[in-house]
Amino acid sequence: MTEFENEKPWDPVEEMARGNAMRRDMYPAQERVVSFVLKKIEELKNGTLTNGCIFIDGPGGCGKTYTYRTLCYLMRGMEIKYKTSAWMGIAGNLMPDGRTMHKTFGLPFEMDSTSSSNAKPNSQTGKELIETQVFIVDEISMVPKYAIELIDRKLRELTEIDLPFGGKIFIIGGDFRQILPVEKKAGRNELIALSVVRSNLWENFEVFRLAENRRVVQNDEESRTNRPVRENFAQWLLKMGNGKIPADKEGYIKIPDAVVSRRDLVEEVFGECIANKDFDLLSRRVILTTTNERVHELNARVLELIGDEEEKIYLSVDTVDSNEPNTVINYPPEFLHSYNESGLPPHELKLKVNSPVILKRNLNPSTGLCNGTRLRVKCMHQHLIECEFIIGERTGQKVLIPRITLTSGKGNLPFVLHRRQFPVTLCYAMTINKSQGQTIDFAGLDLETSVFSHGMAYVAFSRVRAWEYLRVKTSEEKQGKVKNIVWKEVLLADDNQNQNQTSQNVSQTTREETQSQRSQEL
């Protein structure tokens, strides 16, 4: 039985009303997207659709997620079969019925240009892909082009229709100012070549740009009072992401003095919360930094400052999977226990009650338990950890986290390491890469060691809603300056596409308006 054959817990009439209510609150650029998608759905239903590829471009806060949600409610009302997903589970979880792309399309976790999907015509995944009419994929900047190309091949194969993505409506969204696909030992040229904008499929996508920052125009007292300051922040972020802020010869830009941390960053971010034992506020604050090593240092330091909260240490069970009989002898338990990589929890997991933690694996994305979800420890047992959600609609909801067996990444070791441990790590600090897709109430940026790839600084600064929720620690040598790496090749590829491609179904006035918006953002 496929997912679509199960009875859905919603009423189409109510969902249509909900979608229409949200649609009425949209600004014009969002409405153009919705109108265009609904037109494509009509073409799909009457068999005249030849190209359903749509790209929604826009920085954080411009209403992409709101647009996705509106479309989903309208499609529920129309009884259109859709699937929403993202490369990272935390981003997919922001959309109705969101999943990871790996789960949705049967993608392998370790993949390259030669990989294939495990979705067969008679498998549940295969049947659902055949039945799905509309796909929505968010955070597209992080998706390597070979993943999109694999999906295109698989959908053509399953549907036996030789059109882009098997004749489905395929909506992608994102911001190419953000971090690009992650590839081990890849340099600038390799990472740019991995971007979706460098795929032959890119020419099929109709491009729509959302440019109005909705976070600064929210109808609440704080937003109304601070709107000019927040507009300044949003504009500064765009200039940063586009590489338009003047930089010195080493690529460093000046940041506002008001956000520069002159004290110890840990004390500035967490000190008052720890002193007042305000663990609710503390769990919504995070320090972002550049490397996993620095994350471990910061997490350990903050944990020590917490004081006399109940503490427990969980030790993992590590085993080896290898065809070599001498492996166990050559790599004793002590070595296995000392091994760490970004996808694994540590052998020695030290936690305290009220500690914020982050999930390292997808446990149940449909209930919000996905890779990147932030939780707070409430009670620790031998075989279970009781946590609660600390952000989003599920805030305060209790969940139980079990021990599971996690496996080391492909090629990292001369054997496969299996680690049985709770799939969490402390989250007083996290890497900038891990933070993409998250919104943080208050962030400290530890940039004494500078960023090293496209979009990292932009992602770090854009996790918060305004200047007042940000403190930045820079190196003594570069006091008040941070490195900003922007690879214009990706932005130019995107902007050129926007300039050369306009919808066939919008008026000349809309075309001129769209071109005006583009010229202002370049």
Protein backbone atom coordinates (compact mmCIF):
# COMPACT_ATOMS: atom_id res chain seq x y z
CA MET A 1 0.00 0.00 0.00
CA THR A 2 1.41 3.39 -0.98
CA GLU A 3 1.29 6.50 1.16
CA PHE A 4 -1.44 7.92 -1.09
CA GLU A 5 -3.69 4.90 -0.52
CA ASN A 6 -3.82 5.64 3.21
CA GLU A 7 -6.66 7.82 4.43
CA LYS A 8 -5.42 11.38 4.85
CA PRO A 9 -6.14 13.20 8.14
CA TRP A 10 -7.45 16.32 6.40
CA ASP A 11 -10.63 17.56 4.78
CA PRO A 12 -10.09 18.84 1.19
CA VAL A 13 -12.65 21.62 1.70
CA GLU A 14 -10.93 22.85 4.86
CA GLU A 15 -7.49 22.62 3.26
CA MET A 16 -8.63 24.60 0.21
CA ALA A 17 -10.05 27.29 2.49
CA ARG A 18 -6.79 27.37 4.44
CA GLY A 19 -4.74 27.66 1.25
CA ASN A 20 -6.93 30.43 -0.14
CA ALA A 21 -6.71 32.36 3.14
CA MET A 22 -2.91 32.20 3.01
CA ARG A 23 -2.96 33.14 -0.67
CA ARG A 24 -4.83 36.36 0.09
CA ASP A 25 -1.95 37.47 2.34
CA MET A 26 0.71 36.95 -0.33
CA TYR A 27 2.67 39.73 -1.96
CA PRO A 28 2.59 39.91 -5.81
CA ALA A 29 5.71 37.84 -6.53
CA GLN A 30 4.42 34.97 -4.38
CA GLU A 31 1.02 35.15 -6.08
CA ARG A 32 2.68 34.88 -9.51
CA VAL A 33 4.35 31.66 -8.41
CA VAL A 34 1.09 30.16 -7.14
CA SER A 35 -0.83 31.19 -10.26
CA PHE A 36 1.82 29.69 -12.51
CA VAL A 37 1.91 26.40 -10.59
CA LEU A 38 -1.89 26.11 -10.66
CA LYS A 39 -1.81 26.70 -14.42
CA LYS A 40 0.76 23.91 -14.77
CA ILE A 41 -1.46 21.61 -12.69
CA GLU A 42 -4.32 22.24 -15.12
CA GLU A 43 -2.01 21.39 -18.02
CA LEU A 44 -0.97 18.21 -16.21
CA LYS A 45 -4.58 17.19 -15.63
CA ASN A 46 -5.61 17.72 -19.26
CA GLY A 47 -2.49 16.07 -20.69
CA THR A 48 -0.88 19.13 -22.31
CA LEU A 49 2.04 19.63 -19.91
CA THR A 50 5.43 19.52 -21.66
CA ASN A 51 7.59 21.25 -19.05
CA GLY A 52 6.75 21.53 -15.36
CA CYS A 53 10.15 22.68 -14.06
CA ILE A 54 10.02 25.73 -11.76
CA PHE A 55 12.73 27.41 -9.67
CA ILE A 56 11.78 29.75 -6.80
CA ASP A 57 14.75 31.95 -5.96
CA GLY A 58 15.02 34.05 -2.84
CA PRO A 59 16.99 34.74 0.33
CA GLY A 60 15.87 33.66 3.78
CA GLY A 61 12.79 35.45 5.04
CA CYS A 62 11.36 36.22 1.60
CA GLY A 63 8.48 33.75 1.96
CA LYS A 64 9.58 30.62 0.10
CA THR A 65 8.34 28.32 2.87
CA TYR A 66 5.07 30.26 3.09
CA THR A 67 4.66 29.77 -0.68
CA TYR A 68 5.35 26.03 -0.42
CA ARG A 69 2.84 25.66 2.40
CA THR A 70 0.17 27.58 0.52
CA LEU A 71 0.67 25.36 -2.53
CA CYS A 72 0.45 22.22 -0.39
CA TYR A 73 -2.85 23.25 1.21
CA LEU A 74 -4.29 24.18 -2.19
CA MET A 75 -3.15 20.84 -3.65
CA ARG A 76 -4.74 18.98 -0.74
CA GLY A 77 -7.95 20.82 -1.54
CA MET A 78 -7.63 19.85 -5.22
CA GLU A 79 -6.66 16.27 -4.21
CA ILE A 80 -3.40 16.56 -6.13
CA LYS A 81 -0.74 14.06 -5.08
CA TYR A 82 2.43 15.87 -4.04
CA LYS A 83 5.69 15.24 -2.20
CA THR A 84 7.85 17.78 -0.37
CA SER A 85 11.51 17.21 0.46
CA ALA A 86 14.90 18.80 1.03
CA TRP A 87 18.51 17.64 1.01
CA MET A 88 18.60 18.03 4.80
CA GLY A 89 15.84 16.68 7.00
CA ILE A 90 15.57 19.84 9.09
CA ALA A 91 14.68 21.90 6.00
CA GLY A 92 12.21 19.32 4.71
CA ASN A 93 10.52 19.32 8.09
CA LEU A 94 9.44 22.95 7.59
CA MET A 95 7.01 21.88 4.84
CA PRO A 96 3.81 19.82 5.15
CA ASP A 97 4.65 16.10 4.86
CA GLY A 98 8.33 17.00 4.34
CA ARG A 99 11.01 14.33 4.05
CA THR A 100 14.62 14.08 3.00
CA MET A 101 15.32 13.74 -0.71
CA HIS A 102 17.04 10.44 0.05
CA LYS A 103 13.83 9.01 1.50
CA THR A 104 11.55 10.50 -1.14
CA PHE A 105 13.50 9.40 -4.20
CA GLY A 106 15.31 6.32 -2.88
CA LEU A 107 18.73 7.96 -3.11
CA PRO A 108 21.79 6.30 -1.54
CA PHE A 109 23.37 8.18 1.37
CA GLU A 110 26.82 7.95 -0.18
CA MET A 111 26.44 8.96 -3.81
CA ASP A 112 28.27 10.28 -6.86
CA SER A 113 27.61 10.70 -10.58
CA THR A 114 27.43 6.92 -11.08
CA SER A 115 24.88 6.24 -8.31
CA SER A 116 21.36 4.96 -8.90
CA SER A 117 18.05 5.04 -7.03
CA ASN A 118 16.69 1.91 -5.35
CA ALA A 119 13.13 2.83 -6.44
CA LYS A 120 11.79 -0.04 -8.56
CA PRO A 121 8.42 0.07 -10.39
CA ASN A 122 6.83 -2.42 -8.00
CA SER A 123 8.41 -1.07 -4.80
CA GLN A 124 6.50 1.26 -2.50
CA THR A 125 8.88 4.13 -3.29
CA GLY A 126 8.58 3.47 -7.02
CA LYS A 127 4.78 3.35 -6.93
CA GLU A 128 4.62 6.60 -4.96
CA LEU A 129 6.96 8.34 -7.41
CA ILE A 130 4.79 7.20 -10.31
CA GLU A 131 1.60 8.42 -8.58
CA THR A 132 3.04 11.77 -7.45
CA GLN A 133 1.99 14.69 -9.64
CA VAL A 134 3.94 17.54 -8.04
CA PHE A 135 7.34 17.52 -6.31
CA ILE A 136 8.68 20.39 -4.19
CA VAL A 137 12.39 20.36 -3.27
CA ASP A 138 13.85 23.05 -0.99
CA GLU A 139 17.44 24.15 -0.18
CA ILE A 140 18.49 23.32 -3.75
CA SER A 141 21.85 25.12 -3.44
CA MET A 142 23.17 22.21 -1.35
CA VAL A 143 22.01 19.52 -3.79
CA PRO A 144 24.71 18.18 -6.14
CA LYS A 145 23.68 18.21 -9.76
CA TYR A 146 24.13 14.45 -10.08
CA ALA A 147 21.32 13.96 -7.53
CA ILE A 148 18.87 15.99 -9.63
CA GLU A 149 20.06 14.23 -12.79
CA LEU A 150 19.57 10.83 -11.13
CA ILE A 151 16.02 11.81 -10.14
CA ASP A 152 15.30 12.94 -13.70
CA ARG A 153 16.51 9.61 -15.12
CA LYS A 154 14.57 7.60 -12.55
CA LEU A 155 11.28 9.45 -13.14
CA ARG A 156 11.62 9.09 -16.92
CA GLU A 157 12.29 5.37 -16.41
CA LEU A 158 9.37 4.82 -14.03
CA THR A 159 6.82 6.82 -16.04
CA GLU A 160 8.15 5.82 -19.47
CA ILE A 161 7.70 9.48 -20.45
CA ASP A 162 10.69 11.15 -22.09
CA LEU A 163 10.12 14.63 -20.67
CA PRO A 164 12.01 16.42 -17.88
CA PHE A 165 11.34 14.54 -14.64
CA GLY A 166 8.98 12.17 -16.41
CA GLY A 167 6.43 14.87 -17.19
CA LYS A 168 5.91 15.75 -13.51
CA ILE A 169 5.69 19.26 -12.06
CA PHE A 170 9.07 19.66 -10.37
CA ILE A 171 9.46 22.75 -8.16
CA ILE A 172 12.83 23.59 -6.63
CA GLY A 173 13.65 26.51 -4.37
CA GLY A 174 16.66 27.99 -2.67
CA ASP A 175 19.31 30.67 -2.48
CA PHE A 176 22.62 30.23 -4.30
CA ARG A 177 24.26 32.74 -2.00
CA GLN A 178 24.24 29.90 0.52
CA ILE A 179 26.57 26.95 0.91
CA LEU A 180 27.08 24.77 -2.16
CA PRO A 181 27.18 20.93 -2.23
CA VAL A 182 29.73 19.44 0.15
CA GLU A 183 32.30 17.18 -1.47
CA LYS A 184 35.42 15.84 0.24
CA LYS A 185 38.69 17.32 -1.04
CA ALA A 186 36.87 19.29 -3.75
CA GLY A 187 38.17 22.74 -4.65
CA ARG A 188 36.43 25.81 -5.95
CA ASN A 189 36.07 24.69 -9.57
CA GLU A 190 34.84 21.22 -8.58
CA LEU A 191 32.22 22.59 -6.18
CA ILE A 192 30.94 25.12 -8.71
CA ALA A 193 30.71 22.36 -11.31
CA LEU A 194 28.61 20.32 -8.84
CA SER A 195 25.98 23.06 -8.53
CA VAL A 196 22.54 22.43 -10.02
CA VAL A 197 22.91 25.57 -12.14
CA ARG A 198 25.68 23.75 -14.03
CA SER A 199 23.42 20.82 -14.93
CA ASN A 200 22.04 20.46 -18.45
CA LEU A 201 18.61 20.27 -16.80
CA TRP A 202 18.84 23.86 -15.58
CA GLU A 203 17.70 25.32 -18.91
CA ASN A 204 14.28 23.69 -18.38
CA PHE A 205 13.47 25.69 -15.25
CA GLU A 206 11.18 28.73 -15.29
CA VAL A 207 12.67 31.14 -12.76
CA PHE A 208 10.67 33.19 -10.25
CA ARG A 209 12.29 35.54 -7.77
CA LEU A 210 10.97 36.37 -4.31
CA ALA A 211 12.73 39.48 -3.05
CA GLU A 212 10.57 41.06 -0.33
CA ASN A 213 11.84 40.22 3.14
CA ARG A 214 8.75 39.22 5.12
CA ARG A 215 10.57 38.99 8.45
CA VAL A 216 10.93 42.77 8.63
CA VAL A 217 7.27 43.46 7.82
CA GLN A 218 5.63 41.09 10.30
CA ASN A 219 2.61 42.70 11.91
CA ASP A 220 3.74 42.66 15.53
CA GLU A 221 4.82 45.47 17.83
CA GLU A 222 8.50 44.52 17.84
CA SER A 223 8.67 44.29 14.03
CA ARG A 224 6.84 47.61 13.56
CA THR A 225 9.11 49.38 16.05
CA ASN A 226 12.36 47.99 14.65
CA ARG A 227 11.38 47.81 10.98
CA PRO A 228 13.97 50.33 9.67
CA VAL A 229 16.78 48.51 11.49
CA ARG A 230 15.58 45.13 10.27
CA GLU A 231 15.27 46.39 6.71
CA ASN A 232 18.87 47.58 6.96
CA PHE A 233 19.90 44.11 8.19
CA ALA A 234 18.09 42.37 5.32
CA GLN A 235 19.66 44.70 2.75
CA TRP A 236 23.12 44.24 4.27
CA LEU A 237 22.72 40.45 4.11
CA LEU A 238 21.83 40.61 0.41
CA LYS A 239 24.87 42.76 -0.31
CA MET A 240 27.01 40.31 1.65
CA GLY A 241 25.59 37.31 -0.21
CA ASN A 242 26.08 38.99 -3.58
CA GLY A 243 29.66 39.99 -2.75
CA LYS A 244 28.80 43.70 -2.95
CA ILE A 245 30.30 44.80 0.38
CA PRO A 246 33.80 46.25 -0.21
CA ALA A 247 36.53 43.84 0.91
CA ASP A 248 40.25 44.19 1.51
CA LYS A 249 42.77 42.31 -0.60
CA GLU A 250 42.37 39.20 1.58
CA GLY A 251 38.59 39.16 1.20
CA TYR A 252 37.68 40.56 4.65
CA ILE A 253 34.71 42.91 5.07
CA LYS A 254 33.89 45.33 7.88
CA ILE A 255 30.92 44.44 10.07
CA PRO A 256 28.95 46.86 12.30
CA ASP A 257 30.73 47.67 15.57
CA ALA A 258 27.55 46.97 17.53
CA VAL A 259 27.71 43.22 16.83
CA VAL A 260 31.45 42.74 17.45
CA SER A 261 32.08 40.75 20.64
CA ARG A 262 34.68 42.47 22.82
CA ARG A 263 34.41 39.91 25.62
CA ASP A 264 34.56 36.16 25.91
CA LEU A 265 31.97 34.88 23.40
CA VAL A 266 30.76 32.00 25.59
CA GLU A 267 30.16 34.41 28.46
CA GLU A 268 28.43 36.91 26.19
CA VAL A 269 26.07 34.34 24.66
CA PHE A 270 25.39 32.06 27.63
CA GLY A 271 26.65 33.80 30.79
CA GLU A 272 23.43 35.45 31.94
CA CYS A 273 21.34 32.36 31.09
CA ILE A 274 23.64 30.12 33.13
CA ALA A 275 23.72 32.53 36.09
CA ASN A 276 19.91 32.72 36.14
CA LYS A 277 19.44 29.02 35.34
CA ASP A 278 17.23 30.09 32.44
CA PHE A 279 17.61 26.85 30.47
CA ASP A 280 14.70 27.64 28.18
CA LEU A 281 16.44 30.77 26.89
CA LEU A 282 19.84 29.06 26.90
CA SER A 283 18.64 26.20 24.68
CA ARG A 284 17.54 28.66 21.99
CA ARG A 285 20.98 30.26 21.78
CA VAL A 286 23.82 28.77 19.72
CA ILE A 287 27.42 29.55 18.87
CA LEU A 288 28.23 28.90 15.20
CA THR A 289 31.79 28.15 14.18
CA THR A 290 33.77 26.78 11.25
CA THR A 291 35.12 23.36 12.29
CA ASN A 292 33.94 20.29 14.18
CA GLU A 293 37.02 20.43 16.41
CA ARG A 294 36.07 23.90 17.59
CA VAL A 295 32.46 22.77 18.10
CA HIS A 296 33.64 20.01 20.46
CA GLU A 297 35.78 22.49 22.44
CA LEU A 298 32.96 24.98 22.85
CA ASN A 299 30.37 22.35 23.79
CA ALA A 300 32.63 20.86 26.45
CA ARG A 301 33.38 24.26 27.91
CA VAL A 302 29.74 25.37 28.17
CA LEU A 303 28.74 22.03 29.70
CA GLU A 304 31.31 22.51 32.46
CA LEU A 305 29.88 25.95 33.23
CA ILE A 306 26.35 24.60 33.72
CA GLY A 307 27.07 23.59 37.31
CA ASP A 308 25.34 20.96 39.40
CA GLU A 309 22.67 19.73 36.98
CA GLU A 310 22.27 15.94 36.86
CA GLU A 311 24.97 14.49 34.61
CA LYS A 312 25.31 11.14 32.85
CA ILE A 313 27.99 9.66 30.60
CA TYR A 314 26.98 7.19 27.90
CA LEU A 315 29.68 5.01 26.33
CA SER A 316 29.24 3.56 22.86
CA VAL A 317 29.83 -0.01 21.73
CA ASP A 318 32.15 0.08 18.70
CA THR A 319 32.63 -2.86 16.34
CA VAL A 320 34.42 -3.41 13.05
CA ASP A 321 33.08 -4.79 9.78
CA SER A 322 35.95 -5.86 7.56
CA ASN A 323 37.04 -8.66 5.26
CA GLU A 324 40.54 -8.49 6.70
CA PRO A 325 40.98 -10.93 9.63
CA ASN A 326 43.74 -8.83 11.22
CA THR A 327 41.67 -5.65 11.37
CA VAL A 328 40.46 -6.26 14.92
CA ILE A 329 44.06 -6.79 16.05
CA ASN A 330 45.40 -3.76 14.16
CA TYR A 331 42.65 -1.46 15.38
CA PRO A 332 42.03 -2.11 19.10
CA PRO A 333 38.98 -0.77 20.98
CA GLU A 334 40.93 2.25 22.18
CA PHE A 335 41.47 3.39 18.60
CA LEU A 336 37.82 2.81 17.66
CA HIS A 337 36.64 4.78 20.70
CA SER A 338 38.91 7.71 19.81
CA TYR A 339 37.57 7.98 16.26
CA ASN A 340 35.24 10.87 15.49
CA GLU A 341 33.61 12.15 12.32
CA SER A 342 30.83 14.66 11.75
CA GLY A 343 28.15 12.03 11.11
CA LEU A 344 28.77 10.06 14.32
CA PRO A 345 28.09 10.82 17.99
CA PRO A 346 31.18 10.52 20.22
CA HIS A 347 32.14 7.32 22.02
CA GLU A 348 31.85 9.19 25.32
CA LEU A 349 28.62 11.16 25.29
CA LYS A 350 28.43 13.44 28.33
CA LEU A 351 25.04 15.06 28.92
CA LYS A 352 23.30 17.03 31.63
CA VAL A 353 19.61 17.61 32.26
CA ASN A 354 18.50 20.68 30.24
CA SER A 355 21.40 20.33 27.79
CA PRO A 356 20.47 21.21 24.20
CA VAL A 357 21.30 18.42 21.76
CA ILE A 358 21.06 17.95 18.00
CA LEU A 359 20.04 14.75 16.22
CA LYS A 360 22.67 13.11 14.00
CA ARG A 361 20.27 10.86 12.09
CA ASN A 362 16.72 10.80 10.76
CA LEU A 363 14.67 8.82 13.29
CA ASN A 364 11.15 9.74 12.21
CA PRO A 365 10.95 12.86 10.00
CA SER A 366 7.15 12.73 9.96
CA THR A 367 7.17 13.48 13.71
CA GLY A 368 9.96 16.07 13.46
CA LEU A 369 12.82 13.75 14.45
CA CYS A 370 15.27 14.33 11.63
CA ASN A 371 18.96 15.00 11.19
CA GLY A 372 19.54 18.53 12.51
CA THR A 373 16.55 18.73 14.87
CA ARG A 374 17.41 20.55 18.10
CA LEU A 375 16.04 19.15 21.37
CA ARG A 376 16.53 19.64 25.12
CA VAL A 377 17.36 16.79 27.49
CA LYS A 378 14.71 16.37 30.21
CA CYS A 379 15.46 12.96 31.71
CA MET A 380 18.21 10.37 31.17
CA HIS A 381 17.69 6.62 31.46
CA GLN A 382 19.95 3.69 30.68
CA HIS A 383 18.37 2.84 27.33
CA LEU A 384 16.39 6.00 26.50
CA ILE A 385 16.83 9.75 26.70
CA GLU A 386 13.69 11.81 27.20
CA CYS A 387 13.86 15.11 25.32
CA GLU A 388 11.56 17.92 24.26
CA PHE A 389 11.41 20.04 21.12
CA ILE A 390 12.72 23.57 21.60
CA ILE A 391 11.76 25.24 18.30
CA GLY A 392 8.84 25.28 15.89
CA GLU A 393 5.26 24.12 16.22
CA ARG A 394 6.27 21.13 18.39
CA THR A 395 7.96 23.22 21.11
CA GLY A 396 7.52 21.50 24.48
CA GLN A 397 6.44 18.18 22.98
CA LYS A 398 8.21 15.21 24.63
CA VAL A 399 10.02 12.50 22.64
CA LEU A 400 12.09 9.43 23.52
CA ILE A 401 15.46 8.93 21.83
CA PRO A 402 16.78 5.32 21.71
CA ARG A 403 20.24 3.98 21.12
CA ILE A 404 20.81 3.00 17.50
CA THR A 405 23.71 1.61 15.48
CA LEU A 406 25.39 4.21 13.27
CA THR A 407 27.93 3.51 10.54
CA SER A 408 31.03 5.47 9.57
CA GLY A 409 31.15 7.27 6.23
CA LYS A 410 32.37 5.58 3.09
CA GLY A 411 36.12 5.80 2.58
CA ASN A 412 36.90 7.48 5.91
CA LEU A 413 38.46 4.31 7.35
CA PRO A 414 39.97 1.15 5.84
CA PHE A 415 36.99 -0.68 7.37
CA VAL A 416 33.40 0.05 8.37
CA LEU A 417 32.92 1.19 11.95
CA HIS A 418 29.61 0.42 13.65
CA ARG A 419 28.91 2.58 16.69
CA ARG A 420 25.94 1.85 18.95
CA GLN A 421 25.13 5.07 20.72
CA PHE A 422 22.40 7.66 21.21
CA PRO A 423 22.30 9.60 17.90
CA VAL A 424 22.78 13.03 19.48
CA THR A 425 25.55 15.47 20.33
CA LEU A 426 25.60 18.59 22.46
CA CYS A 427 24.37 21.70 20.69
CA TYR A 428 25.59 24.74 22.56
CA ALA A 429 27.69 25.11 19.42
CA MET A 430 27.41 23.77 15.87
CA THR A 431 29.17 24.24 12.56
CA ILE A 432 27.93 26.89 10.16
CA ASN A 433 27.29 24.18 7.56
CA LYS A 434 25.05 22.29 9.99
CA SER A 435 23.07 25.45 10.75
CA GLN A 436 21.86 25.97 7.17
CA GLY A 437 18.08 25.78 7.13
CA GLN A 438 17.77 26.70 10.83
CA THR A 439 16.48 29.90 12.42
CA ILE A 440 18.19 30.80 15.71
CA ASP A 441 16.86 33.18 18.35
CA PHE A 442 20.33 34.46 19.32
CA ALA A 443 23.64 33.46 17.73
CA GLY A 444 27.27 33.98 18.58
CA LEU A 445 29.57 33.66 15.58
CA ASP A 446 33.01 32.30 16.44
CA LEU A 447 35.00 33.49 13.41
CA GLU A 448 38.46 33.71 14.92
CA THR A 449 39.19 30.95 12.43
CA SER A 450 37.83 32.29 9.16
CA VAL A 451 35.31 30.71 6.83
CA PHE A 452 36.74 28.71 3.94
CA SER A 453 34.04 28.28 1.30
CA HIS A 454 31.33 30.07 -0.66
CA GLY A 455 28.33 31.24 1.32
CA MET A 456 29.54 30.31 4.80
CA ALA A 457 29.61 33.85 6.18
CA TYR A 458 26.25 34.63 4.56
CA VAL A 459 24.66 31.53 6.10
CA ALA A 460 26.12 32.31 9.53
CA PHE A 461 24.86 35.91 9.62
CA SER A 462 21.45 35.07 8.15
CA ARG A 463 20.47 32.53 10.85
CA VAL A 464 19.03 35.36 12.97
CA ARG A 465 16.28 37.88 12.21
CA ALA A 466 18.05 41.12 13.12
CA TRP A 467 21.32 42.70 14.27
CA GLU A 468 20.29 42.67 17.94
CA TYR A 469 20.31 38.86 18.00
CA LEU A 470 23.93 38.56 16.88
CA ARG A 471 27.41 38.73 18.41
CA VAL A 472 30.54 38.10 16.34
CA LYS A 473 34.00 37.16 17.62
CA THR A 474 36.75 37.97 15.13
CA SER A 475 40.49 37.42 15.31
CA GLU A 476 42.68 39.99 17.08
CA GLU A 477 44.45 40.65 13.79
CA LYS A 478 41.19 41.31 11.92
CA GLN A 479 39.23 42.99 14.72
CA GLY A 480 35.79 43.89 13.39
CA LYS A 481 36.31 42.17 10.04
CA VAL A 482 35.21 38.77 8.72
CA LYS A 483 36.13 36.89 5.58
CA ASN A 484 33.35 36.78 2.99
CA ILE A 485 33.81 34.21 0.22
CA VAL A 486 31.46 34.66 -2.73
CA TRP A 487 31.95 32.72 -5.95
CA LYS A 488 30.36 34.98 -8.52
CA GLU A 489 30.26 32.18 -11.11
CA VAL A 490 27.33 30.60 -9.29
CA LEU A 491 25.51 33.88 -8.77
CA LEU A 492 26.08 34.96 -12.36
CA ALA A 493 24.83 31.64 -13.67
CA ASP A 494 21.68 32.12 -11.61
CA ASP A 495 21.21 35.80 -12.48
CA ASN A 496 21.86 35.26 -16.18
CA GLN A 497 19.18 32.60 -16.14
CA ASN A 498 16.82 35.06 -14.49
CA GLN A 499 17.56 37.72 -17.11
CA ASN A 500 17.16 35.41 -20.10
CA GLN A 501 14.21 33.38 -18.90
CA THR A 502 10.76 34.76 -18.15
CA SER A 503 7.45 33.04 -17.96
CA GLN A 504 5.52 32.80 -21.21
CA ASN A 505 2.36 33.47 -19.24
CA VAL A 506 3.04 36.81 -17.57
CA SER A 507 2.23 40.21 -18.99
CA GLN A 508 4.77 42.63 -20.45
CA THR A 509 4.27 44.74 -17.33
CA THR A 510 5.24 41.79 -15.15
CA ARG A 511 8.30 41.16 -17.32
CA GLU A 512 9.46 44.76 -16.90
CA GLU A 513 8.79 44.59 -13.15
CA THR A 514 10.74 41.34 -12.85
CA GLN A 515 13.68 42.76 -14.83
CA SER A 516 13.66 45.83 -12.57
CA GLN A 517 13.81 43.62 -9.47
CA ARG A 518 16.73 41.67 -10.92
CA SER A 519 18.72 44.76 -11.80
CA GLN A 520 18.26 46.09 -8.26
CA GLU A 521 19.57 42.86 -6.72
CA LEU A 522 22.63 42.43 -8.95
